[in-house]
Amino acid sequence: MNRVRALNAKDTLRQKLASIQNASTNLGGGMIQMMLILREENEAKAEARRADEEQRRRDELAAREERCKSEKKEAEERRLQESLAREEHVCRDMEDARARTQELAMIFGALTMEP
């Protein structure tokens, strides 16, 4: 939007320059006016460049923030998956321990039985 404004201002300044050049040709001078117009045109170009640079910075910042959010979300998802895996592992270990305990109890019971 700023760039469009700057381009419109540039076109307006070019039109002014053309009319001043015509007038200076008719009047036989006007070099100072032409220099002023060129100066204004250069200022308009500089403003357009600054606006473009500012827009680029804003876009880069938004992209950086989006990447950061995405990385945080992925890290949180990884932590959740790791937590679920640990919990599942603990449950399996407990079931295995319970089964071994029952097996040992049965073996112990069989060994202590009198024939």
PDB file of N, CA and C in Angstrom:
ATOM      1  N   MET A   1       0.832  -1.173   0.000  1.00  0.00           N
ATOM      2  CA  MET A   1       0.000   0.000   0.000  1.00  0.00           C
ATOM      3  C   MET A   1       0.879   1.240   0.000  1.00  0.00           C
ATOM      4  N   ASN A   2       1.930   1.264   0.822  1.00  0.00           N
ATOM      5  CA  ASN A   2       2.852   2.394   0.846  1.00  0.00           C
ATOM      6  C   ASN A   2       3.583   2.509  -0.474  1.00  0.00           C
ATOM      7  N   ARG A   3       3.886   1.364  -1.058  1.00  0.00           N
ATOM      8  CA  ARG A   3       4.592   1.371  -2.329  1.00  0.00           C
ATOM      9  C   ARG A   3       3.715   1.974  -3.417  1.00  0.00           C
ATOM     10  N   VAL A   4       2.434   1.629  -3.418  1.00  0.00           N
ATOM     11  CA  VAL A   4       1.515   2.185  -4.408  1.00  0.00           C
ATOM     12  C   VAL A   4       1.425   3.693  -4.234  1.00  0.00           C
ATOM     13  N   ARG A   5       1.339   4.128  -2.974  1.00  0.00           N
ATOM     14  CA  ARG A   5       1.292   5.559  -2.697  1.00  0.00           C
ATOM     15  C   ARG A   5       2.556   6.255  -3.199  1.00  0.00           C
ATOM     16  N   ALA A   6       3.682   5.611  -2.955  1.00  0.00           N
ATOM     17  CA  ALA A   6       4.954   6.191  -3.384  1.00  0.00           C
ATOM     18  C   ALA A   6       5.039   6.249  -4.906  1.00  0.00           C
ATOM     19  N   LEU A   7       4.550   5.196  -5.567  1.00  0.00           N
ATOM     20  CA  LEU A   7       4.561   5.202  -7.034  1.00  0.00           C
ATOM     21  C   LEU A   7       3.639   6.288  -7.580  1.00  0.00           C
ATOM     22  N   ASN A   8       2.482   6.473  -6.948  1.00  0.00           N
ATOM     23  CA  ASN A   8       1.573   7.540  -7.379  1.00  0.00           C
ATOM     24  C   ASN A   8       2.211   8.908  -7.178  1.00  0.00           C
ATOM     25  N   ALA A   9       2.882   9.080  -6.046  1.00  0.00           N
ATOM     26  CA  ALA A   9       3.563  10.350  -5.786  1.00  0.00           C
ATOM     27  C   ALA A   9       4.665  10.568  -6.811  1.00  0.00           C
ATOM     28  N   LYS A  10       5.356   9.510  -7.168  1.00  0.00           N
ATOM     29  CA  LYS A  10       6.427   9.599  -8.158  1.00  0.00           C
ATOM     30  C   LYS A  10       5.860  10.022  -9.512  1.00  0.00           C
ATOM     31  N   ASP A  11       4.733   9.417  -9.914  1.00  0.00           N
ATOM     32  CA  ASP A  11       4.106   9.790 -11.185  1.00  0.00           C
ATOM     33  C   ASP A  11       3.659  11.244 -11.177  1.00  0.00           C
ATOM     34  N   THR A  12       3.108  11.674 -10.046  1.00  0.00           N
ATOM     35  CA  THR A  12       2.685  13.071  -9.926  1.00  0.00           C
ATOM     36  C   THR A  12       3.878  14.002 -10.071  1.00  0.00           C
ATOM     37  N   LEU A  13       4.971  13.639  -9.419  1.00  0.00           N
ATOM     38  CA  LEU A  13       6.179  14.468  -9.513  1.00  0.00           C
ATOM     39  C   LEU A  13       6.728  14.492 -10.932  1.00  0.00           C
ATOM     40  N   ARG A  14       6.656  13.373 -11.626  1.00  0.00           N
ATOM     41  CA  ARG A  14       7.112  13.356 -13.026  1.00  0.00           C
ATOM     42  C   ARG A  14       6.260  14.281 -13.887  1.00  0.00           C
ATOM     43  N   GLN A  15       4.954  14.270 -13.635  1.00  0.00           N
ATOM     44  CA  GLN A  15       4.076  15.167 -14.395  1.00  0.00           C
ATOM     45  C   GLN A  15       4.414  16.621 -14.101  1.00  0.00           C
ATOM     46  N   LYS A  16       4.668  16.905 -12.813  1.00  0.00           N
ATOM     47  CA  LYS A  16       5.061  18.268 -12.453  1.00  0.00           C
ATOM     48  C   LYS A  16       6.367  18.642 -13.134  1.00  0.00           C
ATOM     49  N   LEU A  17       7.304  17.704 -13.149  1.00  0.00           N
ATOM     50  CA  LEU A  17       8.594  17.949 -13.782  1.00  0.00           C
ATOM     51  C   LEU A  17       8.410  18.254 -15.262  1.00  0.00           C
ATOM     52  N   ALA A  18       7.568  17.478 -15.920  1.00  0.00           N
ATOM     53  CA  ALA A  18       7.325  17.714 -17.346  1.00  0.00           C
ATOM     54  C   ALA A  18       6.714  19.088 -17.571  1.00  0.00           C
ATOM     55  N   SER A  19       5.750  19.466 -16.727  1.00  0.00           N
ATOM     56  CA  SER A  19       5.124  20.783 -16.916  1.00  0.00           C
ATOM     57  C   SER A  19       6.109  21.902 -16.611  1.00  0.00           C
ATOM     58  N   ILE A  20       6.955  21.703 -15.604  1.00  0.00           N
ATOM     59  CA  ILE A  20       7.962  22.726 -15.278  1.00  0.00           C
ATOM     60  C   ILE A  20       8.999  22.813 -16.387  1.00  0.00           C
ATOM     61  N   GLN A  21       9.376  21.664 -16.941  1.00  0.00           N
ATOM     62  CA  GLN A  21      10.330  21.694 -18.044  1.00  0.00           C
ATOM     63  C   GLN A  21       9.755  22.450 -19.236  1.00  0.00           C
ATOM     64  N   ASN A  22       8.483  22.216 -19.508  1.00  0.00           N
ATOM     65  CA  ASN A  22       7.836  22.949 -20.604  1.00  0.00           C
ATOM     66  C   ASN A  22       7.810  24.441 -20.309  1.00  0.00           C
ATOM     67  N   ALA A  23       7.479  24.768 -19.067  1.00  0.00           N
ATOM     68  CA  ALA A  23       7.425  26.184 -18.694  1.00  0.00           C
ATOM     69  C   ALA A  23       8.812  26.808 -18.737  1.00  0.00           C
ATOM     70  N   SER A  24       9.826  26.060 -18.267  1.00  0.00           N
ATOM     71  CA  SER A  24      11.176  26.623 -18.263  1.00  0.00           C
ATOM     72  C   SER A  24      11.703  26.789 -19.679  1.00  0.00           C
ATOM     73  N   THR A  25      11.313  25.867 -20.552  1.00  0.00           N
ATOM     74  CA  THR A  25      11.717  26.009 -21.950  1.00  0.00           C
ATOM     75  C   THR A  25      11.069  27.254 -22.538  1.00  0.00           C
ATOM     76  N   ASN A  26       9.811  27.445 -22.214  1.00  0.00           N
ATOM     77  CA  ASN A  26       9.095  28.618 -22.720  1.00  0.00           C
ATOM     78  C   ASN A  26       9.644  29.895 -22.104  1.00  0.00           C
ATOM     79  N   LEU A  27      10.056  29.828 -20.845  1.00  0.00           N
ATOM     80  CA  LEU A  27      10.543  31.027 -20.173  1.00  0.00           C
ATOM     81  C   LEU A  27      12.051  31.191 -20.321  1.00  0.00           C
ATOM     82  N   GLY A  28      12.704  30.139 -20.779  1.00  0.00           N
ATOM     83  CA  GLY A  28      14.138  30.237 -20.989  1.00  0.00           C
ATOM     84  C   GLY A  28      14.940  30.031 -19.727  1.00  0.00           C
ATOM     85  N   GLY A  29      14.495  29.239 -18.794  1.00  0.00           N
ATOM     86  CA  GLY A  29      15.254  29.008 -17.555  1.00  0.00           C
ATOM     87  C   GLY A  29      14.542  28.020 -16.660  1.00  0.00           C
ATOM     88  N   GLY A  30      14.652  28.239 -15.387  1.00  0.00           N
ATOM     89  CA  GLY A  30      13.960  27.401 -14.414  1.00  0.00           C
ATOM     90  C   GLY A  30      14.779  26.205 -13.954  1.00  0.00           C
ATOM     91  N   MET A  31      16.094  26.320 -14.017  1.00  0.00           N
ATOM     92  CA  MET A  31      16.948  25.215 -13.600  1.00  0.00           C
ATOM     93  C   MET A  31      16.742  24.882 -12.125  1.00  0.00           C
ATOM     94  N   ILE A  32      16.531  25.875 -11.307  1.00  0.00           N
ATOM     95  CA  ILE A  32      16.335  25.648  -9.873  1.00  0.00           C
ATOM     96  C   ILE A  32      15.069  24.837  -9.629  1.00  0.00           C
ATOM     97  N   GLN A  33      14.011  25.187 -10.352  1.00  0.00           N
ATOM     98  CA  GLN A  33      12.759  24.442 -10.187  1.00  0.00           C
ATOM     99  C   GLN A  33      12.941  22.980 -10.594  1.00  0.00           C
ATOM    100  N   MET A  34      13.674  22.763 -11.660  1.00  0.00           N
ATOM    101  CA  MET A  34      13.908  21.401 -12.111  1.00  0.00           C
ATOM    102  C   MET A  34      14.701  20.627 -11.052  1.00  0.00           C
ATOM    103  N   MET A  35      15.681  21.259 -10.446  1.00  0.00           N
ATOM    104  CA  MET A  35      16.464  20.602  -9.401  1.00  0.00           C
ATOM    105  C   MET A  35      15.589  20.269  -8.196  1.00  0.00           C
ATOM    106  N   LEU A  36      14.679  21.178  -7.860  1.00  0.00           N
ATOM    107  CA  LEU A  36      13.772  20.918  -6.740  1.00  0.00           C
ATOM    108  C   LEU A  36      12.869  19.722  -7.029  1.00  0.00           C
ATOM    109  N   ILE A  37      12.379  19.648  -8.246  1.00  0.00           N
ATOM    110  CA  ILE A  37      11.518  18.524  -8.627  1.00  0.00           C
ATOM    111  C   ILE A  37      12.306  17.215  -8.564  1.00  0.00           C
ATOM    112  N   LEU A  38      13.530  17.233  -9.069  1.00  0.00           N
ATOM    113  CA  LEU A  38      14.361  16.026  -9.017  1.00  0.00           C
ATOM    114  C   LEU A  38      14.638  15.615  -7.574  1.00  0.00           C
ATOM    115  N   ARG A  39      14.857  16.606  -6.729  1.00  0.00           N
ATOM    116  CA  ARG A  39      15.085  16.315  -5.311  1.00  0.00           C
ATOM    117  C   ARG A  39      13.848  15.667  -4.691  1.00  0.00           C
ATOM    118  N   GLU A  40      12.675  16.217  -4.995  1.00  0.00           N
ATOM    119  CA  GLU A  40      11.428  15.646  -4.474  1.00  0.00           C
ATOM    120  C   GLU A  40      11.230  14.221  -4.982  1.00  0.00           C
ATOM    121  N   GLU A  41      11.575  13.998  -6.244  1.00  0.00           N
ATOM    122  CA  GLU A  41      11.436  12.659  -6.815  1.00  0.00           C
ATOM    123  C   GLU A  41      12.374  11.679  -6.108  1.00  0.00           C
ATOM    124  N   ASN A  42      13.594  12.100  -5.845  1.00  0.00           N
ATOM    125  CA  ASN A  42      14.537  11.239  -5.119  1.00  0.00           C
ATOM    126  C   ASN A  42      14.041  10.942  -3.709  1.00  0.00           C
ATOM    127  N   GLU A  43      13.453  11.929  -3.057  1.00  0.00           N
ATOM    128  CA  GLU A  43      12.892  11.711  -1.723  1.00  0.00           C
ATOM    129  C   GLU A  43      11.739  10.715  -1.773  1.00  0.00           C
ATOM    130  N   ALA A  44      10.912  10.820  -2.821  1.00  0.00           N
ATOM    131  CA  ALA A  44       9.795   9.881  -2.970  1.00  0.00           C
ATOM    132  C   ALA A  44      10.318   8.457  -3.184  1.00  0.00           C
ATOM    133  N   LYS A  45      11.372   8.318  -3.983  1.00  0.00           N
ATOM    134  CA  LYS A  45      11.964   6.997  -4.207  1.00  0.00           C
ATOM    135  C   LYS A  45      12.536   6.437  -2.903  1.00  0.00           C
ATOM    136  N   ALA A  46      13.211   7.291  -2.153  1.00  0.00           N
ATOM    137  CA  ALA A  46      13.788   6.853  -0.878  1.00  0.00           C
ATOM    138  C   ALA A  46      12.685   6.412   0.083  1.00  0.00           C
ATOM    139  N   GLU A  47      11.591   7.145   0.101  1.00  0.00           N
ATOM    140  CA  GLU A  47      10.458   6.782   0.966  1.00  0.00           C
ATOM    141  C   GLU A  47       9.877   5.433   0.544  1.00  0.00           C
ATOM    142  N   ALA A  48       9.780   5.208  -0.764  1.00  0.00           N
ATOM    143  CA  ALA A  48       9.270   3.924  -1.258  1.00  0.00           C
ATOM    144  C   ALA A  48      10.204   2.788  -0.841  1.00  0.00           C
ATOM    145  N   ARG A  49      11.517   3.011  -0.925  1.00  0.00           N
ATOM    146  CA  ARG A  49      12.480   1.990  -0.498  1.00  0.00           C
ATOM    147  C   ARG A  49      12.349   1.708   0.995  1.00  0.00           C
ATOM    148  N   ARG A  50      12.211   2.771   1.786  1.00  0.00           N
ATOM    149  CA  ARG A  50      12.056   2.585   3.232  1.00  0.00           C
ATOM    150  C   ARG A  50      10.781   1.798   3.545  1.00  0.00           C
ATOM    151  N   ALA A  51       9.708   2.122   2.830  1.00  0.00           N
ATOM    152  CA  ALA A  51       8.444   1.407   3.054  1.00  0.00           C
ATOM    153  C   ALA A  51       8.598  -0.071   2.691  1.00  0.00           C
ATOM    154  N   ASP A  52       9.286  -0.356   1.583  1.00  0.00           N
ATOM    155  CA  ASP A  52       9.508  -1.751   1.185  1.00  0.00           C
ATOM    156  C   ASP A  52      10.348  -2.490   2.219  1.00  0.00           C
ATOM    157  N   GLU A  53      11.394  -1.849   2.711  1.00  0.00           N
ATOM    158  CA  GLU A  53      12.254  -2.473   3.719  1.00  0.00           C
ATOM    159  C   GLU A  53      11.484  -2.740   5.007  1.00  0.00           C
ATOM    160  N   GLU A  54      10.657  -1.788   5.399  1.00  0.00           N
ATOM    161  CA  GLU A  54       9.852  -1.961   6.618  1.00  0.00           C
ATOM    162  C   GLU A  54       8.876  -3.124   6.455  1.00  0.00           C
ATOM    163  N   GLN A  55       8.254  -3.228   5.286  1.00  0.00           N
ATOM    164  CA  GLN A  55       7.324  -4.331   5.023  1.00  0.00           C
ATOM    165  C   GLN A  55       8.070  -5.666   5.048  1.00  0.00           C
ATOM    166  N   ARG A  56       9.253  -5.703   4.470  1.00  0.00           N
ATOM    167  CA  ARG A  56      10.058  -6.924   4.464  1.00  0.00           C
ATOM    168  C   ARG A  56      10.409  -7.329   5.897  1.00  0.00           C
ATOM    169  N   ARG A  57      10.782  -6.353   6.724  1.00  0.00           N
ATOM    170  CA  ARG A  57      11.109  -6.648   8.129  1.00  0.00           C
ATOM    171  C   ARG A  57       9.897  -7.210   8.868  1.00  0.00           C
ATOM    172  N   ARG A  58       8.733  -6.593   8.631  1.00  0.00           N
ATOM    173  CA  ARG A  58       7.514  -7.092   9.288  1.00  0.00           C
ATOM    174  C   ARG A  58       7.202  -8.515   8.840  1.00  0.00           C
ATOM    175  N   ASP A  59       7.360  -8.778   7.535  1.00  0.00           N
ATOM    176  CA  ASP A  59       7.099 -10.125   7.020  1.00  0.00           C
ATOM    177  C   ASP A  59       8.062 -11.141   7.620  1.00  0.00           C
ATOM    178  N   GLU A  60       9.346 -10.771   7.714  1.00  0.00           N
ATOM    179  CA  GLU A  60      10.337 -11.675   8.300  1.00  0.00           C
ATOM    180  C   GLU A  60      10.030 -11.940   9.770  1.00  0.00           C
ATOM    181  N   LEU A  61       9.628 -10.909  10.493  1.00  0.00           N
ATOM    182  CA  LEU A  61       9.285 -11.074  11.907  1.00  0.00           C
ATOM    183  C   LEU A  61       8.089 -12.012  12.064  1.00  0.00           C
ATOM    184  N   ALA A  62       7.072 -11.819  11.225  1.00  0.00           N
ATOM    185  CA  ALA A  62       5.887 -12.683  11.293  1.00  0.00           C
ATOM    186  C   ALA A  62       6.263 -14.133  10.979  1.00  0.00           C
ATOM    187  N   ALA A  63       7.128 -14.326   9.985  1.00  0.00           N
ATOM    188  CA  ALA A  63       7.556 -15.684   9.631  1.00  0.00           C
ATOM    189  C   ALA A  63       8.348 -16.309  10.777  1.00  0.00           C
ATOM    190  N   ARG A  64       9.215 -15.524  11.416  1.00  0.00           N
ATOM    191  CA  ARG A  64      10.003 -16.023  12.544  1.00  0.00           C
ATOM    192  C   ARG A  64       9.088 -16.433  13.695  1.00  0.00           C
ATOM    193  N   GLU A  65       8.099 -15.587  13.990  1.00  0.00           N
ATOM    194  CA  GLU A  65       7.164 -15.895  15.077  1.00  0.00           C
ATOM    195  C   GLU A  65       6.368 -17.161  14.766  1.00  0.00           C
ATOM    196  N   GLU A  66       5.964 -17.310  13.510  1.00  0.00           N
ATOM    197  CA  GLU A  66       5.204 -18.491  13.106  1.00  0.00           C
ATOM    198  C   GLU A  66       6.057 -19.752  13.253  1.00  0.00           C
ATOM    199  N   ARG A  67       7.332 -19.671  12.845  1.00  0.00           N
ATOM    200  CA  ARG A  67       8.238 -20.813  13.006  1.00  0.00           C
ATOM    201  C   ARG A  67       8.404 -21.167  14.478  1.00  0.00           C
ATOM    202  N   CYS A  68       8.541 -20.150  15.310  1.00  0.00           N
ATOM    203  CA  CYS A  68       8.721 -20.369  16.750  1.00  0.00           C
ATOM    204  C   CYS A  68       7.495 -21.070  17.337  1.00  0.00           C
ATOM    205  N   LYS A  69       6.304 -20.606  16.964  1.00  0.00           N
ATOM    206  CA  LYS A  69       5.076 -21.243  17.450  1.00  0.00           C
ATOM    207  C   LYS A  69       5.011 -22.696  16.998  1.00  0.00           C
ATOM    208  N   SER A  70       5.365 -22.921  15.739  1.00  0.00           N
ATOM    209  CA  SER A  70       5.331 -24.274  15.192  1.00  0.00           C
ATOM    210  C   SER A  70       6.315 -25.180  15.926  1.00  0.00           C
ATOM    211  N   GLU A  71       7.521 -24.679  16.174  1.00  0.00           N
ATOM    212  CA  GLU A  71       8.528 -25.469  16.886  1.00  0.00           C
ATOM    213  C   GLU A  71       8.076 -25.776  18.312  1.00  0.00           C
ATOM    214  N   LYS A  72       7.459 -24.801  18.986  1.00  0.00           N
ATOM    215  CA  LYS A  72       6.961 -25.037  20.341  1.00  0.00           C
ATOM    216  C   LYS A  72       5.875 -26.103  20.337  1.00  0.00           C
ATOM    217  N   LYS A  73       4.982 -26.024  19.350  1.00  0.00           N
ATOM    218  CA  LYS A  73       3.899 -26.995  19.263  1.00  0.00           C
ATOM    219  C   LYS A  73       4.460 -28.397  19.020  1.00  0.00           C
ATOM    220  N   GLU A  74       5.449 -28.500  18.119  1.00  0.00           N
ATOM    221  CA  GLU A  74       6.063 -29.800  17.852  1.00  0.00           C
ATOM    222  C   GLU A  74       6.764 -30.343  19.093  1.00  0.00           C
ATOM    223  N   ALA A  75       7.464 -29.482  19.826  1.00  0.00           N
ATOM    224  CA  ALA A  75       8.159 -29.915  21.043  1.00  0.00           C
ATOM    225  C   ALA A  75       7.153 -30.407  22.081  1.00  0.00           C
ATOM    226  N   GLU A  76       6.054 -29.704  22.227  1.00  0.00           N
ATOM    227  CA  GLU A  76       5.018 -30.109  23.187  1.00  0.00           C
ATOM    228  C   GLU A  76       4.427 -31.459  22.788  1.00  0.00           C
ATOM    229  N   GLU A  77       4.186 -31.644  21.496  1.00  0.00           N
ATOM    230  CA  GLU A  77       3.655 -32.923  21.014  1.00  0.00           C
ATOM    231  C   GLU A  77       4.651 -34.058  21.282  1.00  0.00           C
ATOM    232  N   ARG A  78       5.946 -33.795  21.052  1.00  0.00           N
ATOM    233  CA  ARG A  78       6.977 -34.804  21.337  1.00  0.00           C
ATOM    234  C   ARG A  78       6.994 -35.159  22.817  1.00  0.00           C
ATOM    235  N   ARG A  79       6.926 -34.138  23.682  1.00  0.00           N
ATOM    236  CA  ARG A  79       6.918 -34.393  25.127  1.00  0.00           C
ATOM    237  C   ARG A  79       5.710 -35.240  25.520  1.00  0.00           C
ATOM    238  N   LEU A  80       4.567 -34.931  24.941  1.00  0.00           N
ATOM    239  CA  LEU A  80       3.359 -35.690  25.239  1.00  0.00           C
ATOM    240  C   LEU A  80       3.518 -37.145  24.805  1.00  0.00           C
ATOM    241  N   GLN A  81       4.035 -37.354  23.593  1.00  0.00           N
ATOM    242  CA  GLN A  81       4.230 -38.720  23.096  1.00  0.00           C
ATOM    243  C   GLN A  81       5.232 -39.482  23.964  1.00  0.00           C
ATOM    244  N   GLU A  82       6.318 -38.810  24.357  1.00  0.00           N
ATOM    245  CA  GLU A  82       7.310 -39.454  25.218  1.00  0.00           C
ATOM    246  C   GLU A  82       6.704 -39.811  26.571  1.00  0.00           C
ATOM    247  N   SER A  83       5.878 -38.924  27.104  1.00  0.00           N
ATOM    248  CA  SER A  83       5.226 -39.180  28.387  1.00  0.00           C
ATOM    249  C   SER A  83       4.293 -40.385  28.281  1.00  0.00           C
ATOM    250  N   LEU A  84       3.526 -40.440  27.195  1.00  0.00           N
ATOM    251  CA  LEU A  84       2.627 -41.583  26.997  1.00  0.00           C
ATOM    252  C   LEU A  84       3.419 -42.878  26.849  1.00  0.00           C
ATOM    253  N   ALA A  85       4.537 -42.816  26.138  1.00  0.00           N
ATOM    254  CA  ALA A  85       5.369 -44.015  25.955  1.00  0.00           C
ATOM    255  C   ALA A  85       5.943 -44.471  27.295  1.00  0.00           C
ATOM    256  N   ARG A  86       6.405 -43.514  28.118  1.00  0.00           N
ATOM    257  CA  ARG A  86       6.935 -43.871  29.442  1.00  0.00           C
ATOM    258  C   ARG A  86       5.852 -44.514  30.297  1.00  0.00           C
ATOM    259  N   GLU A  87       4.669 -43.926  30.264  1.00  0.00           N
ATOM    260  CA  GLU A  87       3.557 -44.456  31.060  1.00  0.00           C
ATOM    261  C   GLU A  87       3.206 -45.877  30.615  1.00  0.00           C
ATOM    262  N   GLU A  88       3.184 -46.095  29.314  1.00  0.00           N
ATOM    263  CA  GLU A  88       2.888 -47.422  28.782  1.00  0.00           C
ATOM    264  C   GLU A  88       3.972 -48.422  29.198  1.00  0.00           C
ATOM    265  N   HIS A  89       5.211 -47.988  29.157  1.00  0.00           N
ATOM    266  CA  HIS A  89       6.337 -48.846  29.560  1.00  0.00           C
ATOM    267  C   HIS A  89       6.225 -49.228  31.038  1.00  0.00           C
ATOM    268  N   VAL A  90       5.876 -48.268  31.878  1.00  0.00           N
ATOM    269  CA  VAL A  90       5.713 -48.533  33.315  1.00  0.00           C
ATOM    270  C   VAL A  90       4.592 -49.545  33.534  1.00  0.00           C
ATOM    271  N   CYS A  91       3.485 -49.385  32.817  1.00  0.00           N
ATOM    272  CA  CYS A  91       2.365 -50.329  32.965  1.00  0.00           C
ATOM    273  C   CYS A  91       2.787 -51.741  32.557  1.00  0.00           C
ATOM    274  N   ARG A  92       3.517 -51.850  31.431  1.00  0.00           N
ATOM    275  CA  ARG A  92       3.986 -53.176  30.994  1.00  0.00           C
ATOM    276  C   ARG A  92       4.936 -53.784  32.025  1.00  0.00           C
ATOM    277  N   ASP A  93       5.827 -52.970  32.564  1.00  0.00           N
ATOM    278  CA  ASP A  93       6.763 -53.463  33.585  1.00  0.00           C
ATOM    279  C   ASP A  93       6.010 -53.967  34.811  1.00  0.00           C
ATOM    280  N   MET A  94       4.973 -53.220  35.215  1.00  0.00           N
ATOM    281  CA  MET A  94       4.191 -53.643  36.386  1.00  0.00           C
ATOM    282  C   MET A  94       3.470 -54.956  36.103  1.00  0.00           C
ATOM    283  N   GLU A  95       2.903 -55.100  34.906  1.00  0.00           N
ATOM    284  CA  GLU A  95       2.216 -56.339  34.546  1.00  0.00           C
ATOM    285  C   GLU A  95       3.196 -57.504  34.508  1.00  0.00           C
ATOM    286  N   ASP A  96       4.388 -57.262  33.946  1.00  0.00           N
ATOM    287  CA  ASP A  96       5.411 -58.314  33.903  1.00  0.00           C
ATOM    288  C   ASP A  96       5.824 -58.718  35.320  1.00  0.00           C
ATOM    289  N   ALA A  97       6.006 -57.735  36.189  1.00  0.00           N
ATOM    290  CA  ALA A  97       6.404 -58.017  37.575  1.00  0.00           C
ATOM    291  C   ALA A  97       5.314 -58.809  38.287  1.00  0.00           C
ATOM    292  N   ARG A  98       4.063 -58.432  38.052  1.00  0.00           N
ATOM    293  CA  ARG A  98       2.943 -59.142  38.670  1.00  0.00           C
ATOM    294  C   ARG A  98       2.907 -60.594  38.180  1.00  0.00           C
ATOM    295  N   ALA A  99       3.112 -60.789  36.877  1.00  0.00           N
ATOM    296  CA  ALA A  99       3.097 -62.149  36.319  1.00  0.00           C
ATOM    297  C   ALA A  99       4.250 -62.972  36.884  1.00  0.00           C
ATOM    298  N   ARG A 100       5.438 -62.389  37.002  1.00  0.00           N
ATOM    299  CA  ARG A 100       6.586 -63.109  37.566  1.00  0.00           C
ATOM    300  C   ARG A 100       6.333 -63.471  39.028  1.00  0.00           C
ATOM    301  N   THR A 101       5.717 -62.537  39.758  1.00  0.00           N
ATOM    302  CA  THR A 101       5.410 -62.797  41.168  1.00  0.00           C
ATOM    303  C   THR A 101       4.446 -63.968  41.290  1.00  0.00           C
ATOM    304  N   GLN A 102       3.422 -63.990  40.444  1.00  0.00           N
ATOM    305  CA  GLN A 102       2.457 -65.093  40.482  1.00  0.00           C
ATOM    306  C   GLN A 102       3.136 -66.409  40.112  1.00  0.00           C
ATOM    307  N   GLU A 103       4.008 -66.335  39.107  1.00  0.00           N
ATOM    308  CA  GLU A 103       4.719 -67.546  38.687  1.00  0.00           C
ATOM    309  C   GLU A 103       5.611 -68.069  39.812  1.00  0.00           C
ATOM    310  N   LEU A 104       6.320 -67.159  40.468  1.00  0.00           N
ATOM    311  CA  LEU A 104       7.176 -67.562  41.589  1.00  0.00           C
ATOM    312  C   LEU A 104       6.342 -68.126  42.736  1.00  0.00           C
ATOM    313  N   ALA A 105       5.190 -67.534  42.980  1.00  0.00           N
ATOM    314  CA  ALA A 105       4.316 -68.032  44.046  1.00  0.00           C
ATOM    315  C   ALA A 105       3.848 -69.443  43.724  1.00  0.00           C
ATOM    316  N   MET A 106       3.536 -69.698  42.448  1.00  0.00           N
ATOM    317  CA  MET A 106       3.098 -71.038  42.052  1.00  0.00           C
ATOM    318  C   MET A 106       4.243 -72.041  42.199  1.00  0.00           C
ATOM    319  N   ILE A 107       5.449 -71.640  41.788  1.00  0.00           N
ATOM    320  CA  ILE A 107       6.612 -72.528  41.916  1.00  0.00           C
ATOM    321  C   ILE A 107       6.891 -72.806  43.392  1.00  0.00           C
ATOM    322  N   PHE A 108       6.845 -71.762  44.193  1.00  0.00           N
ATOM    323  CA  PHE A 108       7.082 -71.912  45.629  1.00  0.00           C
ATOM    324  C   PHE A 108       6.031 -72.829  46.250  1.00  0.00           C
ATOM    325  N   GLY A 109       4.786 -72.632  45.828  1.00  0.00           N
ATOM    326  CA  GLY A 109       3.700 -73.475  46.331  1.00  0.00           C
ATOM    327  C   GLY A 109       3.901 -74.926  45.929  1.00  0.00           C
ATOM    328  N   ALA A 110       4.362 -75.146  44.700  1.00  0.00           N
ATOM    329  CA  ALA A 110       4.585 -76.515  44.228  1.00  0.00           C
ATOM    330  C   ALA A 110       5.749 -77.158  44.972  1.00  0.00           C
ATOM    331  N   LEU A 111       6.758 -76.381  45.288  1.00  0.00           N
ATOM    332  CA  LEU A 111       7.919 -76.923  45.990  1.00  0.00           C
ATOM    333  C   LEU A 111       7.608 -77.220  47.455  1.00  0.00           C
ATOM    334  N   THR A 112       6.737 -76.458  48.037  1.00  0.00           N
ATOM    335  CA  THR A 112       6.435 -76.640  49.456  1.00  0.00           C
ATOM    336  C   THR A 112       5.323 -77.650  49.692  1.00  0.00           C
ATOM    337  N   MET A 113       4.689 -78.104  48.652  1.00  0.00           N
ATOM    338  CA  MET A 113       3.629 -79.105  48.831  1.00  0.00           C
ATOM    339  C   MET A 113       4.257 -80.436  49.234  1.00  0.00           C
ATOM    340  N   GLU A 114       3.608 -81.108  50.127  1.00  0.00           N
ATOM    341  CA  GLU A 114       4.102 -82.411  50.540  1.00  0.00           C
ATOM    342  C   GLU A 114       3.540 -83.459  49.595  1.00  0.00           C
ATOM    343  N   PRO A 115       4.377 -84.405  49.193  1.00  0.00           N
ATOM    344  CA  PRO A 115       3.911 -85.452  48.259  1.00  0.00           C
ATOM    345  C   PRO A 115       3.040 -86.500  48.875  1.00  0.00           C
TER     346      PRO A 115
END
